[in-house]
Structure formats: structure tokens, C-alpha cells
Amino acid sequence: MAIISVAGKQYLVEKGDTILTNKLPNKEGESFDAQDLLSSAKLKLTVKGQQAGEKIKVLKYKKKKGYKRTYGSKPIFSVVTVS
């Protein structure tokens, strides 16, 4: 088990785990290293691709004015495998 920091967030991972992180600049198939925060061990991470998350809906509303606007977006995540 190791605690790593990727894209500004910390994850508890083991070898072979797959995690979803904030979108990374790395392309699909590229590898990069991450260091365990508790020890000096290094882990090799491989980007498997990009994936859209669930839609986040936002509602703007002003009471007694008849104003209501709804919009939303789907955040993009990177799928990363620990090897």
C-alpha cells in the first residue's frame, strides 16, 4: 500500500489498482512516476485514457423575479493504472 499525490489529490493505492483523477496532460499510454508520501518508494503510473464523469447540474434562481437558469457540464477524468 502506498499514498501518492496525483493532480493535487492524494490516493491510497496498491499495485494493479485503477484510479480516476483530474484530467492530466499526459496522453493515452504514457507513463510517469509518483513517489510514495510515507516512504521513498516510487510507483510507475500509466494513463489508460480519458473518461467523462456524471453531469453536474447548476440552477440559478431568484425568488419573486421569475428568473431561473439551468446549465451543466461533464468533468473529464483521466483513468490511471498503478504498475
PDB file of N, CA and C in Angstrom:
ATOM      1  N   MET A   1       0.836  -1.190   0.000  1.00  0.00           N
ATOM      2  CA  MET A   1       0.000   0.000   0.000  1.00  0.00           C
ATOM      3  C   MET A   1       0.873   1.243   0.000  1.00  0.00           C
ATOM      4  N   ALA A   2       0.400   2.248  -0.695  1.00  0.00           N
ATOM      5  CA  ALA A   2       1.150   3.499  -0.777  1.00  0.00           C
ATOM      6  C   ALA A   2       0.168   4.657  -0.885  1.00  0.00           C
ATOM      7  N   ILE A   3       0.581   5.802  -0.407  1.00  0.00           N
ATOM      8  CA  ILE A   3      -0.194   7.029  -0.568  1.00  0.00           C
ATOM      9  C   ILE A   3       0.559   7.901  -1.557  1.00  0.00           C
ATOM     10  N   ILE A   4      -0.114   8.234  -2.670  1.00  0.00           N
ATOM     11  CA  ILE A   4       0.528   9.045  -3.702  1.00  0.00           C
ATOM     12  C   ILE A   4      -0.282  10.317  -3.923  1.00  0.00           C
ATOM     13  N   SER A   5       0.372  11.312  -4.486  1.00  0.00           N
ATOM     14  CA  SER A   5      -0.285  12.566  -4.822  1.00  0.00           C
ATOM     15  C   SER A   5      -0.267  12.725  -6.343  1.00  0.00           C
ATOM     16  N   VAL A   6      -1.465  12.803  -6.944  1.00  0.00           N
ATOM     17  CA  VAL A   6      -1.601  12.953  -8.394  1.00  0.00           C
ATOM     18  C   VAL A   6      -2.633  14.042  -8.655  1.00  0.00           C
ATOM     19  N   ALA A   7      -2.264  15.024  -9.463  1.00  0.00           N
ATOM     20  CA  ALA A   7      -3.167  16.102  -9.875  1.00  0.00           C
ATOM     21  C   ALA A   7      -3.765  16.832  -8.675  1.00  0.00           C
ATOM     22  N   GLY A   8      -2.970  17.005  -7.625  1.00  0.00           N
ATOM     23  CA  GLY A   8      -3.410  17.779  -6.471  1.00  0.00           C
ATOM     24  C   GLY A   8      -4.255  17.013  -5.469  1.00  0.00           C
ATOM     25  N   LYS A   9      -4.442  15.718  -5.653  1.00  0.00           N
ATOM     26  CA  LYS A   9      -5.218  14.909  -4.717  1.00  0.00           C
ATOM     27  C   LYS A   9      -4.385  13.711  -4.286  1.00  0.00           C
ATOM     28  N   GLN A  10      -4.690  13.185  -3.098  1.00  0.00           N
ATOM     29  CA  GLN A  10      -3.963  12.041  -2.580  1.00  0.00           C
ATOM     30  C   GLN A  10      -4.822  10.788  -2.689  1.00  0.00           C
ATOM     31  N   TYR A  11      -4.167   9.662  -3.027  1.00  0.00           N
ATOM     32  CA  TYR A  11      -4.861   8.394  -3.208  1.00  0.00           C
ATOM     33  C   TYR A  11      -4.116   7.294  -2.472  1.00  0.00           C
ATOM     34  N   LEU A  12      -4.861   6.367  -1.869  1.00  0.00           N
ATOM     35  CA  LEU A  12      -4.300   5.174  -1.256  1.00  0.00           C
ATOM     36  C   LEU A  12      -4.399   4.063  -2.293  1.00  0.00           C
ATOM     37  N   VAL A  13      -3.254   3.576  -2.769  1.00  0.00           N
ATOM     38  CA  VAL A  13      -3.247   2.618  -3.878  1.00  0.00           C
ATOM     39  C   VAL A  13      -2.373   1.411  -3.569  1.00  0.00           C
ATOM     40  N   GLU A  14      -2.619   0.355  -4.332  1.00  0.00           N
ATOM     41  CA  GLU A  14      -1.780  -0.838  -4.338  1.00  0.00           C
ATOM     42  C   GLU A  14      -1.422  -1.140  -5.780  1.00  0.00           C
ATOM     43  N   LYS A  15      -0.502  -2.047  -5.981  1.00  0.00           N
ATOM     44  CA  LYS A  15      -0.101  -2.427  -7.334  1.00  0.00           C
ATOM     45  C   LYS A  15      -1.298  -3.046  -8.061  1.00  0.00           C
ATOM     46  N   GLY A  16      -1.554  -2.579  -9.290  1.00  0.00           N
ATOM     47  CA  GLY A  16      -2.654  -3.103 -10.082  1.00  0.00           C
ATOM     48  C   GLY A  16      -3.949  -2.316  -9.958  1.00  0.00           C
ATOM     49  N   ASP A  17      -4.014  -1.330  -9.056  1.00  0.00           N
ATOM     50  CA  ASP A  17      -5.223  -0.524  -8.887  1.00  0.00           C
ATOM     51  C   ASP A  17      -5.429   0.425 -10.061  1.00  0.00           C
ATOM     52  N   THR A  18      -6.683   0.765 -10.310  1.00  0.00           N
ATOM     53  CA  THR A  18      -7.048   1.757 -11.317  1.00  0.00           C
ATOM     54  C   THR A  18      -7.780   2.888 -10.601  1.00  0.00           C
ATOM     55  N   ILE A  19      -7.350   4.130 -10.855  1.00  0.00           N
ATOM     56  CA  ILE A  19      -7.973   5.283 -10.196  1.00  0.00           C
ATOM     57  C   ILE A  19      -8.416   6.310 -11.232  1.00  0.00           C
ATOM     58  N   LEU A  20      -9.402   7.119 -10.877  1.00  0.00           N
ATOM     59  CA  LEU A  20      -9.841   8.250 -11.679  1.00  0.00           C
ATOM     60  C   LEU A  20      -9.282   9.512 -11.044  1.00  0.00           C
ATOM     61  N   THR A  21      -8.566  10.311 -11.820  1.00  0.00           N
ATOM     62  CA  THR A  21      -8.006  11.560 -11.315  1.00  0.00           C
ATOM     63  C   THR A  21      -8.494  12.719 -12.166  1.00  0.00           C
ATOM     64  N   ASN A  22      -8.213  13.925 -11.710  1.00  0.00           N
ATOM     65  CA  ASN A  22      -8.496  15.088 -12.547  1.00  0.00           C
ATOM     66  C   ASN A  22      -7.721  14.941 -13.846  1.00  0.00           C
ATOM     67  N   LYS A  23      -8.174  15.616 -14.887  1.00  0.00           N
ATOM     68  CA  LYS A  23      -7.565  15.474 -16.210  1.00  0.00           C
ATOM     69  C   LYS A  23      -6.070  15.791 -16.163  1.00  0.00           C
ATOM     70  N   LEU A  24      -5.272  14.874 -16.719  1.00  0.00           N
ATOM     71  CA  LEU A  24      -3.820  15.023 -16.771  1.00  0.00           C
ATOM     72  C   LEU A  24      -3.377  15.421 -18.175  1.00  0.00           C
ATOM     73  N   PRO A  25      -2.245  16.120 -18.301  1.00  0.00           N
ATOM     74  CA  PRO A  25      -1.757  16.497 -19.630  1.00  0.00           C
ATOM     75  C   PRO A  25      -1.143  15.322 -20.398  1.00  0.00           C
ATOM     76  N   ASN A  26      -0.893  14.208 -19.731  1.00  0.00           N
ATOM     77  CA  ASN A  26      -0.282  13.047 -20.386  1.00  0.00           C
ATOM     78  C   ASN A  26      -1.255  12.415 -21.367  1.00  0.00           C
ATOM     79  N   LYS A  27      -0.718  11.850 -22.459  1.00  0.00           N
ATOM     80  CA  LYS A  27      -1.540  11.191 -23.461  1.00  0.00           C
ATOM     81  C   LYS A  27      -1.754   9.731 -23.087  1.00  0.00           C
ATOM     82  N   GLU A  28      -2.690   9.097 -23.778  1.00  0.00           N
ATOM     83  CA  GLU A  28      -3.012   7.704 -23.516  1.00  0.00           C
ATOM     84  C   GLU A  28      -1.801   6.813 -23.781  1.00  0.00           C
ATOM     85  N   GLY A  29      -1.489   5.943 -22.826  1.00  0.00           N
ATOM     86  CA  GLY A  29      -0.359   5.032 -22.954  1.00  0.00           C
ATOM     87  C   GLY A  29       0.935   5.567 -22.352  1.00  0.00           C
ATOM     88  N   GLU A  30       1.004   6.851 -22.037  1.00  0.00           N
ATOM     89  CA  GLU A  30       2.220   7.421 -21.439  1.00  0.00           C
ATOM     90  C   GLU A  30       2.333   7.002 -19.983  1.00  0.00           C
ATOM     91  N   SER A  31       3.559   6.864 -19.520  1.00  0.00           N
ATOM     92  CA  SER A  31       3.824   6.512 -18.131  1.00  0.00           C
ATOM     93  C   SER A  31       4.521   7.656 -17.426  1.00  0.00           C
ATOM     94  N   PHE A  32       4.316   7.727 -16.111  1.00  0.00           N
ATOM     95  CA  PHE A  32       5.025   8.705 -15.293  1.00  0.00           C
ATOM     96  C   PHE A  32       5.198   8.126 -13.895  1.00  0.00           C
ATOM     97  N   ASP A  33       6.122   8.706 -13.141  1.00  0.00           N
ATOM     98  CA  ASP A  33       6.430   8.214 -11.801  1.00  0.00           C
ATOM     99  C   ASP A  33       5.736   9.053 -10.742  1.00  0.00           C
ATOM    100  N   ALA A  34       5.355   8.395  -9.651  1.00  0.00           N
ATOM    101  CA  ALA A  34       4.807   9.071  -8.480  1.00  0.00           C
ATOM    102  C   ALA A  34       5.520   8.498  -7.267  1.00  0.00           C
ATOM    103  N   GLN A  35       5.818   9.350  -6.303  1.00  0.00           N
ATOM    104  CA  GLN A  35       6.546   8.907  -5.122  1.00  0.00           C
ATOM    105  C   GLN A  35       5.578   8.708  -3.971  1.00  0.00           C
ATOM    106  N   ASP A  36       5.803   7.641  -3.206  1.00  0.00           N
ATOM    107  CA  ASP A  36       5.017   7.378  -2.011  1.00  0.00           C
ATOM    108  C   ASP A  36       5.290   8.498  -1.012  1.00  0.00           C
ATOM    109  N   LEU A  37       4.250   9.060  -0.410  1.00  0.00           N
ATOM    110  CA  LEU A  37       4.420  10.176   0.516  1.00  0.00           C
ATOM    111  C   LEU A  37       4.974   9.741   1.867  1.00  0.00           C
ATOM    112  N   LEU A  38       4.831   8.456   2.214  1.00  0.00           N
ATOM    113  CA  LEU A  38       5.296   7.979   3.508  1.00  0.00           C
ATOM    114  C   LEU A  38       6.686   7.347   3.459  1.00  0.00           C
ATOM    115  N   SER A  39       7.109   6.895   2.289  1.00  0.00           N
ATOM    116  CA  SER A  39       8.439   6.301   2.160  1.00  0.00           C
ATOM    117  C   SER A  39       9.073   6.823   0.874  1.00  0.00           C
ATOM    118  N   SER A  40      10.237   6.323   0.561  1.00  0.00           N
ATOM    119  CA  SER A  40      10.942   6.807  -0.634  1.00  0.00           C
ATOM    120  C   SER A  40      10.673   5.938  -1.863  1.00  0.00           C
ATOM    121  N   ALA A  41       9.691   5.039  -1.785  1.00  0.00           N
ATOM    122  CA  ALA A  41       9.380   4.158  -2.914  1.00  0.00           C
ATOM    123  C   ALA A  41       8.747   4.943  -4.054  1.00  0.00           C
ATOM    124  N   LYS A  42       9.062   4.524  -5.287  1.00  0.00           N
ATOM    125  CA  LYS A  42       8.477   5.159  -6.463  1.00  0.00           C
ATOM    126  C   LYS A  42       7.550   4.164  -7.148  1.00  0.00           C
ATOM    127  N   LEU A  43       6.438   4.669  -7.638  1.00  0.00           N
ATOM    128  CA  LEU A  43       5.472   3.853  -8.357  1.00  0.00           C
ATOM    129  C   LEU A  43       5.378   4.342  -9.795  1.00  0.00           C
ATOM    130  N   LYS A  44       5.182   3.418 -10.720  1.00  0.00           N
ATOM    131  CA  LYS A  44       5.020   3.778 -12.122  1.00  0.00           C
ATOM    132  C   LYS A  44       3.530   3.789 -12.435  1.00  0.00           C
ATOM    133  N   LEU A  45       3.027   4.907 -12.946  1.00  0.00           N
ATOM    134  CA  LEU A  45       1.619   5.059 -13.292  1.00  0.00           C
ATOM    135  C   LEU A  45       1.484   5.166 -14.804  1.00  0.00           C
ATOM    136  N   THR A  46       0.456   4.537 -15.357  1.00  0.00           N
ATOM    137  CA  THR A  46       0.207   4.561 -16.794  1.00  0.00           C
ATOM    138  C   THR A  46      -1.186   5.119 -17.049  1.00  0.00           C
ATOM    139  N   VAL A  47      -1.276   6.092 -17.961  1.00  0.00           N
ATOM    140  CA  VAL A  47      -2.566   6.675 -18.325  1.00  0.00           C
ATOM    141  C   VAL A  47      -3.247   5.740 -19.325  1.00  0.00           C
ATOM    142  N   LYS A  48      -4.444   5.280 -18.990  1.00  0.00           N
ATOM    143  CA  LYS A  48      -5.190   4.365 -19.859  1.00  0.00           C
ATOM    144  C   LYS A  48      -6.170   5.096 -20.760  1.00  0.00           C
ATOM    145  N   GLY A  49      -6.503   6.331 -20.446  1.00  0.00           N
ATOM    146  CA  GLY A  49      -7.418   7.079 -21.294  1.00  0.00           C
ATOM    147  C   GLY A  49      -8.132   8.180 -20.530  1.00  0.00           C
ATOM    148  N   GLN A  50      -9.097   8.801 -21.196  1.00  0.00           N
ATOM    149  CA  GLN A  50      -9.899   9.868 -20.616  1.00  0.00           C
ATOM    150  C   GLN A  50     -11.343   9.373 -20.533  1.00  0.00           C
ATOM    151  N   GLN A  51     -12.081   9.922 -19.570  1.00  0.00           N
ATOM    152  CA  GLN A  51     -13.459   9.496 -19.377  1.00  0.00           C
ATOM    153  C   GLN A  51     -14.260  10.667 -18.827  1.00  0.00           C
ATOM    154  N   ALA A  52     -15.480  10.832 -19.300  1.00  0.00           N
ATOM    155  CA  ALA A  52     -16.354  11.893 -18.791  1.00  0.00           C
ATOM    156  C   ALA A  52     -17.077  11.389 -17.553  1.00  0.00           C
ATOM    157  N   GLY A  53     -17.195  12.251 -16.565  1.00  0.00           N
ATOM    158  CA  GLY A  53     -17.883  11.897 -15.335  1.00  0.00           C
ATOM    159  C   GLY A  53     -19.379  12.145 -15.460  1.00  0.00           C
ATOM    160  N   GLU A  54     -20.087  12.056 -14.327  1.00  0.00           N
ATOM    161  CA  GLU A  54     -21.513  12.317 -14.322  1.00  0.00           C
ATOM    162  C   GLU A  54     -21.773  13.802 -14.520  1.00  0.00           C
ATOM    163  N   LYS A  55     -22.902  14.122 -15.117  1.00  0.00           N
ATOM    164  CA  LYS A  55     -23.242  15.503 -15.392  1.00  0.00           C
ATOM    165  C   LYS A  55     -23.536  16.240 -14.083  1.00  0.00           C
ATOM    166  N   ILE A  56     -22.945  17.422 -13.950  1.00  0.00           N
ATOM    167  CA  ILE A  56     -23.182  18.276 -12.798  1.00  0.00           C
ATOM    168  C   ILE A  56     -24.160  19.356 -13.233  1.00  0.00           C
ATOM    169  N   LYS A  57     -25.321  19.419 -12.570  1.00  0.00           N
ATOM    170  CA  LYS A  57     -26.331  20.412 -12.921  1.00  0.00           C
ATOM    171  C   LYS A  57     -26.259  21.588 -11.957  1.00  0.00           C
ATOM    172  N   VAL A  58     -26.377  22.798 -12.504  1.00  0.00           N
ATOM    173  CA  VAL A  58     -26.338  24.021 -11.711  1.00  0.00           C
ATOM    174  C   VAL A  58     -27.620  24.788 -11.999  1.00  0.00           C
ATOM    175  N   LEU A  59     -28.282  25.259 -10.950  1.00  0.00           N
ATOM    176  CA  LEU A  59     -29.517  26.009 -11.087  1.00  0.00           C
ATOM    177  C   LEU A  59     -29.331  27.396 -10.485  1.00  0.00           C
ATOM    178  N   LYS A  60     -29.582  28.424 -11.279  1.00  0.00           N
ATOM    179  CA  LYS A  60     -29.588  29.800 -10.782  1.00  0.00           C
ATOM    180  C   LYS A  60     -31.048  30.202 -10.610  1.00  0.00           C
ATOM    181  N   TYR A  61     -31.394  30.809  -9.478  1.00  0.00           N
ATOM    182  CA  TYR A  61     -32.781  31.116  -9.189  1.00  0.00           C
ATOM    183  C   TYR A  61     -32.856  32.373  -8.336  1.00  0.00           C
ATOM    184  N   LYS A  62     -33.783  33.256  -8.680  1.00  0.00           N
ATOM    185  CA  LYS A  62     -34.040  34.447  -7.861  1.00  0.00           C
ATOM    186  C   LYS A  62     -35.519  34.462  -7.517  1.00  0.00           C
ATOM    187  N   LYS A  63     -35.802  34.432  -6.237  1.00  0.00           N
ATOM    188  CA  LYS A  63     -37.196  34.368  -5.811  1.00  0.00           C
ATOM    189  C   LYS A  63     -37.952  35.652  -6.170  1.00  0.00           C
ATOM    190  N   LYS A  64     -39.207  35.494  -6.484  1.00  0.00           N
ATOM    191  CA  LYS A  64     -40.148  36.573  -6.787  1.00  0.00           C
ATOM    192  C   LYS A  64     -39.814  37.356  -8.060  1.00  0.00           C
ATOM    193  N   LYS A  65     -38.868  36.950  -8.824  1.00  0.00           N
ATOM    194  CA  LYS A  65     -38.460  37.671 -10.039  1.00  0.00           C
ATOM    195  C   LYS A  65     -38.742  36.888 -11.313  1.00  0.00           C
ATOM    196  N   GLY A  66     -39.078  35.613 -11.189  1.00  0.00           N
ATOM    197  CA  GLY A  66     -39.327  34.796 -12.364  1.00  0.00           C
ATOM    198  C   GLY A  66     -38.059  34.420 -13.118  1.00  0.00           C
ATOM    199  N   TYR A  67     -36.919  34.499 -12.438  1.00  0.00           N
ATOM    200  CA  TYR A  67     -35.629  34.210 -13.074  1.00  0.00           C
ATOM    201  C   TYR A  67     -35.169  32.824 -12.661  1.00  0.00           C
ATOM    202  N   LYS A  68     -34.964  31.957 -13.656  1.00  0.00           N
ATOM    203  CA  LYS A  68     -34.435  30.625 -13.385  1.00  0.00           C
ATOM    204  C   LYS A  68     -33.620  30.180 -14.590  1.00  0.00           C
ATOM    205  N   ARG A  69     -32.382  29.755 -14.368  1.00  0.00           N
ATOM    206  CA  ARG A  69     -31.499  29.267 -15.428  1.00  0.00           C
ATOM    207  C   ARG A  69     -30.869  27.955 -14.964  1.00  0.00           C
ATOM    208  N   THR A  70     -30.837  26.995 -15.863  1.00  0.00           N
ATOM    209  CA  THR A  70     -30.209  25.710 -15.570  1.00  0.00           C
ATOM    210  C   THR A  70     -29.130  25.448 -16.607  1.00  0.00           C
ATOM    211  N   TYR A  71     -27.979  25.018 -16.146  1.00  0.00           N
ATOM    212  CA  TYR A  71     -26.921  24.604 -17.049  1.00  0.00           C
ATOM    213  C   TYR A  71     -26.119  23.505 -16.368  1.00  0.00           C
ATOM    214  N   GLY A  72     -25.271  22.849 -17.119  1.00  0.00           N
ATOM    215  CA  GLY A  72     -24.494  21.756 -16.553  1.00  0.00           C
ATOM    216  C   GLY A  72     -23.263  21.463 -17.381  1.00  0.00           C
ATOM    217  N   SER A  73     -22.425  20.595 -16.837  1.00  0.00           N
ATOM    218  CA  SER A  73     -21.215  20.189 -17.541  1.00  0.00           C
ATOM    219  C   SER A  73     -20.804  18.806 -17.068  1.00  0.00           C
ATOM    220  N   LYS A  74     -20.000  18.149 -17.885  1.00  0.00           N
ATOM    221  CA  LYS A  74     -19.451  16.845 -17.518  1.00  0.00           C
ATOM    222  C   LYS A  74     -17.949  17.001 -17.336  1.00  0.00           C
ATOM    223  N   PRO A  75     -17.436  16.788 -16.117  1.00  0.00           N
ATOM    224  CA  PRO A  75     -15.988  16.893 -15.919  1.00  0.00           C
ATOM    225  C   PRO A  75     -15.256  15.737 -16.606  1.00  0.00           C
ATOM    226  N   ILE A  76     -14.043  15.998 -17.072  1.00  0.00           N
ATOM    227  CA  ILE A  76     -13.225  14.991 -17.729  1.00  0.00           C
ATOM    228  C   ILE A  76     -12.215  14.445 -16.709  1.00  0.00           C
ATOM    229  N   PHE A  77     -12.124  13.128 -16.620  1.00  0.00           N
ATOM    230  CA  PHE A  77     -11.198  12.451 -15.727  1.00  0.00           C
ATOM    231  C   PHE A  77     -10.185  11.642 -16.541  1.00  0.00           C
ATOM    232  N   SER A  78      -9.022  11.416 -15.961  1.00  0.00           N
ATOM    233  CA  SER A  78      -8.032  10.515 -16.543  1.00  0.00           C
ATOM    234  C   SER A  78      -8.077   9.194 -15.792  1.00  0.00           C
ATOM    235  N   VAL A  79      -8.062   8.090 -16.521  1.00  0.00           N
ATOM    236  CA  VAL A  79      -8.035   6.751 -15.930  1.00  0.00           C
ATOM    237  C   VAL A  79      -6.572   6.336 -15.849  1.00  0.00           C
ATOM    238  N   VAL A  80      -6.083   6.075 -14.625  1.00  0.00           N
ATOM    239  CA  VAL A  80      -4.664   5.779 -14.387  1.00  0.00           C
ATOM    240  C   VAL A  80      -4.541   4.419 -13.702  1.00  0.00           C
ATOM    241  N   THR A  81      -3.597   3.608 -14.176  1.00  0.00           N
ATOM    242  CA  THR A  81      -3.330   2.299 -13.586  1.00  0.00           C
ATOM    243  C   THR A  81      -1.968   2.313 -12.908  1.00  0.00           C
ATOM    244  N   VAL A  82      -1.909   1.738 -11.712  1.00  0.00           N
ATOM    245  CA  VAL A  82      -0.658   1.639 -10.953  1.00  0.00           C
ATOM    246  C   VAL A  82       0.018   0.329 -11.313  1.00  0.00           C
ATOM    247  N   SER A  83       1.308   0.420 -11.711  1.00  0.00           N
ATOM    248  CA  SER A  83       2.030  -0.811 -12.051  1.00  0.00           C
ATOM    249  C   SER A  83       3.357  -0.870 -11.337  1.00  0.00           C
TER     250      SER A  83
END
